[in-house]
Amino acid sequence: MVTAVDTSVLLDVLLDDPQHAGHSIAALRQATNEGSLVICEVALAEIAPALTPGDAPQFLADWNLTFAPSSQASALLAGSMFRAYLERGGKRGRLVPDFLIAAHAQHHASRLLARDRFGLRIWRVSA
């Protein structure tokens, strides 16, 4: 089983978030035991400021994260998802990265590990 990992979970670990780091570490370990972990360019770019320059390869290796770049299909899916969001009355803003990460998971993984305002979750997606 391939699990795509969202920025929020990785930042919990990198920043040693006092509220969420423990749960995120446990979820990453569980996902690793159940298969492999992937990260897309959006999530990697979003965690880069929390890393010392040059430390990204070691961080990815330490967590058994494989970099899996997005595809044209996943980028177009993200655009469709964003359009549907806007048509439902959603606001433009910083959400495009979230849609890119979700669409990447749908094309390159079988599930997505993320944390939102409701907590840490694993969503099953169509790969």
C-alpha atoms as a PDB file:
ATOM      1  CA  MET A   1       0.000   0.000   0.000  1.00  0.00           C
ATOM      2  CA  VAL A   2       1.385   3.407  -0.971  1.00  0.00           C
ATOM      3  CA  THR A   3       0.668   6.354   1.322  1.00  0.00           C
ATOM      4  CA  ALA A   4       1.133   9.935   0.164  1.00  0.00           C
ATOM      5  CA  VAL A   5       2.106  12.206   3.049  1.00  0.00           C
ATOM      6  CA  ASP A   6       0.794  15.746   3.444  1.00  0.00           C
ATOM      7  CA  THR A   7       2.872  18.708   4.553  1.00  0.00           C
ATOM      8  CA  SER A   8       1.057  19.037   7.884  1.00  0.00           C
ATOM      9  CA  VAL A   9       2.201  15.623   9.116  1.00  0.00           C
ATOM     10  CA  LEU A  10       5.818  16.210   8.119  1.00  0.00           C
ATOM     11  CA  LEU A  11       5.905  19.663   9.693  1.00  0.00           C
ATOM     12  CA  ASP A  12       4.588  18.160  12.942  1.00  0.00           C
ATOM     13  CA  VAL A  13       7.692  15.960  12.975  1.00  0.00           C
ATOM     14  CA  LEU A  14      10.200  18.548  11.732  1.00  0.00           C
ATOM     15  CA  LEU A  15       9.026  21.258  14.120  1.00  0.00           C
ATOM     16  CA  ASP A  16       8.464  18.806  17.004  1.00  0.00           C
ATOM     17  CA  ASP A  17       4.938  20.162  17.438  1.00  0.00           C
ATOM     18  CA  PRO A  18       4.068  19.620  21.115  1.00  0.00           C
ATOM     19  CA  GLN A  19       0.447  18.737  20.359  1.00  0.00           C
ATOM     20  CA  HIS A  20       0.753  16.700  17.159  1.00  0.00           C
ATOM     21  CA  ALA A  21       4.310  15.326  16.716  1.00  0.00           C
ATOM     22  CA  GLY A  22       3.769  12.117  18.672  1.00  0.00           C
ATOM     23  CA  HIS A  23       0.631  11.175  16.764  1.00  0.00           C
ATOM     24  CA  SER A  24       2.190  12.079  13.421  1.00  0.00           C
ATOM     25  CA  ILE A  25       5.322  10.027  14.134  1.00  0.00           C
ATOM     26  CA  ALA A  26       3.175   7.037  15.109  1.00  0.00           C
ATOM     27  CA  ALA A  27       1.045   7.402  11.963  1.00  0.00           C
ATOM     28  CA  LEU A  28       4.137   7.631   9.748  1.00  0.00           C
ATOM     29  CA  ARG A  29       5.611   4.507  11.342  1.00  0.00           C
ATOM     30  CA  GLN A  30       2.344   2.619  10.946  1.00  0.00           C
ATOM     31  CA  ALA A  31       2.044   3.664   7.285  1.00  0.00           C
ATOM     32  CA  THR A  32       5.640   2.566   6.684  1.00  0.00           C
ATOM     33  CA  ASN A  33       4.872  -0.831   8.206  1.00  0.00           C
ATOM     34  CA  GLU A  34       1.885  -1.163   5.870  1.00  0.00           C
ATOM     35  CA  GLY A  35       3.730  -0.175   2.686  1.00  0.00           C
ATOM     36  CA  SER A  36       5.679   2.723   1.260  1.00  0.00           C
ATOM     37  CA  LEU A  37       5.524   6.505   1.683  1.00  0.00           C
ATOM     38  CA  VAL A  38       5.624   9.086  -1.112  1.00  0.00           C
ATOM     39  CA  ILE A  39       5.925  12.856  -1.137  1.00  0.00           C
ATOM     40  CA  CYS A  40       5.141  15.202  -4.020  1.00  0.00           C
ATOM     41  CA  GLU A  41       6.968  18.373  -4.992  1.00  0.00           C
ATOM     42  CA  VAL A  42       4.379  20.605  -3.309  1.00  0.00           C
ATOM     43  CA  ALA A  43       4.795  18.974   0.099  1.00  0.00           C
ATOM     44  CA  LEU A  44       8.574  18.865  -0.312  1.00  0.00           C
ATOM     45  CA  ALA A  45       8.654  22.581  -1.166  1.00  0.00           C
ATOM     46  CA  GLU A  46       6.436  23.384   1.819  1.00  0.00           C
ATOM     47  CA  ILE A  47       8.672  21.538   4.302  1.00  0.00           C
ATOM     48  CA  ALA A  48      11.941  22.843   2.816  1.00  0.00           C
ATOM     49  CA  PRO A  49      11.979  26.032   4.946  1.00  0.00           C
ATOM     50  CA  ALA A  50      11.942  23.854   8.088  1.00  0.00           C
ATOM     51  CA  LEU A  51      15.052  21.972   6.935  1.00  0.00           C
ATOM     52  CA  THR A  52      18.650  23.124   6.901  1.00  0.00           C
ATOM     53  CA  PRO A  53      19.764  23.552   3.281  1.00  0.00           C
ATOM     54  CA  GLY A  54      20.975  20.199   1.986  1.00  0.00           C
ATOM     55  CA  ASP A  55      19.184  18.140   4.671  1.00  0.00           C
ATOM     56  CA  ALA A  56      16.143  17.164   2.588  1.00  0.00           C
ATOM     57  CA  PRO A  57      17.686  13.959   1.143  1.00  0.00           C
ATOM     58  CA  GLN A  58      18.607  12.696   4.609  1.00  0.00           C
ATOM     59  CA  PHE A  59      15.183  13.574   6.053  1.00  0.00           C
ATOM     60  CA  LEU A  60      13.481  11.711   3.202  1.00  0.00           C
ATOM     61  CA  ALA A  61      15.782   8.713   3.700  1.00  0.00           C
ATOM     62  CA  ASP A  62      15.263   8.707   7.485  1.00  0.00           C
ATOM     63  CA  TRP A  63      11.493   8.440   6.990  1.00  0.00           C
ATOM     64  CA  ASN A  64      11.651   6.142   3.935  1.00  0.00           C
ATOM     65  CA  LEU A  65       9.892   8.822   1.875  1.00  0.00           C
ATOM     66  CA  THR A  66      10.173   8.475  -1.884  1.00  0.00           C
ATOM     67  CA  PHE A  67       9.891  11.597  -4.001  1.00  0.00           C
ATOM     68  CA  ALA A  68       7.217  10.965  -6.646  1.00  0.00           C
ATOM     69  CA  PRO A  69       6.714  13.965  -8.911  1.00  0.00           C
ATOM     70  CA  SER A  70       3.229  14.880 -10.028  1.00  0.00           C
ATOM     71  CA  SER A  71       1.962  14.068 -13.473  1.00  0.00           C
ATOM     72  CA  GLN A  72       0.010  16.091 -15.986  1.00  0.00           C
ATOM     73  CA  ALA A  73      -3.053  14.039 -15.068  1.00  0.00           C
ATOM     74  CA  SER A  74      -2.755  14.846 -11.369  1.00  0.00           C
ATOM     75  CA  ALA A  75      -2.215  18.562 -12.083  1.00  0.00           C
ATOM     76  CA  LEU A  76      -5.329  18.646 -14.264  1.00  0.00           C
ATOM     77  CA  LEU A  77      -7.309  16.765 -11.612  1.00  0.00           C
ATOM     78  CA  ALA A  78      -6.215  19.365  -9.029  1.00  0.00           C
ATOM     79  CA  GLY A  79      -7.503  22.093 -11.328  1.00  0.00           C
ATOM     80  CA  SER A  80     -10.844  20.316 -11.705  1.00  0.00           C
ATOM     81  CA  MET A  81     -11.094  19.870  -7.944  1.00  0.00           C
ATOM     82  CA  PHE A  82     -10.297  23.559  -7.406  1.00  0.00           C
ATOM     83  CA  ARG A  83     -12.899  24.586 -10.013  1.00  0.00           C
ATOM     84  CA  ALA A  84     -15.570  22.494  -8.250  1.00  0.00           C
ATOM     85  CA  TYR A  85     -14.571  24.089  -4.938  1.00  0.00           C
ATOM     86  CA  LEU A  86     -14.934  27.585  -6.411  1.00  0.00           C
ATOM     87  CA  GLU A  87     -18.301  26.685  -7.951  1.00  0.00           C
ATOM     88  CA  ARG A  88     -19.503  25.617  -4.493  1.00  0.00           C
ATOM     89  CA  GLY A  89     -18.682  29.114  -3.236  1.00  0.00           C
ATOM     90  CA  GLY A  90     -15.136  28.512  -2.055  1.00  0.00           C
ATOM     91  CA  LYS A  91     -12.689  31.382  -1.944  1.00  0.00           C
ATOM     92  CA  ARG A  92      -9.529  31.734  -3.976  1.00  0.00           C
ATOM     93  CA  GLY A  93      -6.365  31.716  -1.931  1.00  0.00           C
ATOM     94  CA  ARG A  94      -3.730  29.383  -0.631  1.00  0.00           C
ATOM     95  CA  LEU A  95      -5.771  26.253  -1.313  1.00  0.00           C
ATOM     96  CA  VAL A  96      -4.250  25.245  -4.656  1.00  0.00           C
ATOM     97  CA  PRO A  97      -1.345  23.406  -2.936  1.00  0.00           C
ATOM     98  CA  ASP A  98      -3.876  21.351  -0.968  1.00  0.00           C
ATOM     99  CA  PHE A  99      -5.661  20.339  -4.165  1.00  0.00           C
ATOM    100  CA  LEU A 100      -2.322  19.479  -5.811  1.00  0.00           C
ATOM    101  CA  ILE A 101      -1.348  17.224  -2.900  1.00  0.00           C
ATOM    102  CA  ALA A 102      -4.759  15.504  -2.883  1.00  0.00           C
ATOM    103  CA  ALA A 103      -4.755  14.982  -6.655  1.00  0.00           C
ATOM    104  CA  HIS A 104      -1.168  13.661  -6.506  1.00  0.00           C
ATOM    105  CA  ALA A 105      -2.309  11.113  -3.912  1.00  0.00           C
ATOM    106  CA  GLN A 106      -5.171  10.000  -6.145  1.00  0.00           C
ATOM    107  CA  HIS A 107      -2.788   9.310  -9.023  1.00  0.00           C
ATOM    108  CA  HIS A 108       0.339   8.130  -7.214  1.00  0.00           C
ATOM    109  CA  ALA A 109      -0.843   6.450  -3.994  1.00  0.00           C
ATOM    110  CA  SER A 110      -3.668   4.434  -2.507  1.00  0.00           C
ATOM    111  CA  ARG A 111      -4.201   6.747   0.457  1.00  0.00           C
ATOM    112  CA  LEU A 112      -3.281  10.150   1.896  1.00  0.00           C
ATOM    113  CA  LEU A 113      -2.008  10.788   5.420  1.00  0.00           C
ATOM    114  CA  ALA A 114      -2.851  14.332   6.507  1.00  0.00           C
ATOM    115  CA  ARG A 115      -3.833  16.406   9.508  1.00  0.00           C
ATOM    116  CA  ASP A 116      -6.515  19.058   9.322  1.00  0.00           C
ATOM    117  CA  ARG A 117      -8.622  20.938  11.850  1.00  0.00           C
ATOM    118  CA  PHE A 118     -10.420  17.668  12.653  1.00  0.00           C
ATOM    119  CA  GLY A 119      -7.236  15.738  13.417  1.00  0.00           C
ATOM    120  CA  LEU A 120      -4.912  13.200  11.849  1.00  0.00           C
ATOM    121  CA  ARG A 121      -6.530  11.057   9.155  1.00  0.00           C
ATOM    122  CA  ILE A 122      -5.767   8.562   6.445  1.00  0.00           C
ATOM    123  CA  TRP A 123      -8.004   8.960   3.416  1.00  0.00           C
ATOM    124  CA  ARG A 124      -8.318   6.136   0.918  1.00  0.00           C
ATOM    125  CA  VAL A 125      -7.920   7.422  -2.621  1.00  0.00           C
ATOM    126  CA  SER A 126      -8.181   5.879  -6.080  1.00  0.00           C
ATOM    127  CA  ALA A 127      -4.757   5.072  -7.444  1.00  0.00           C
END
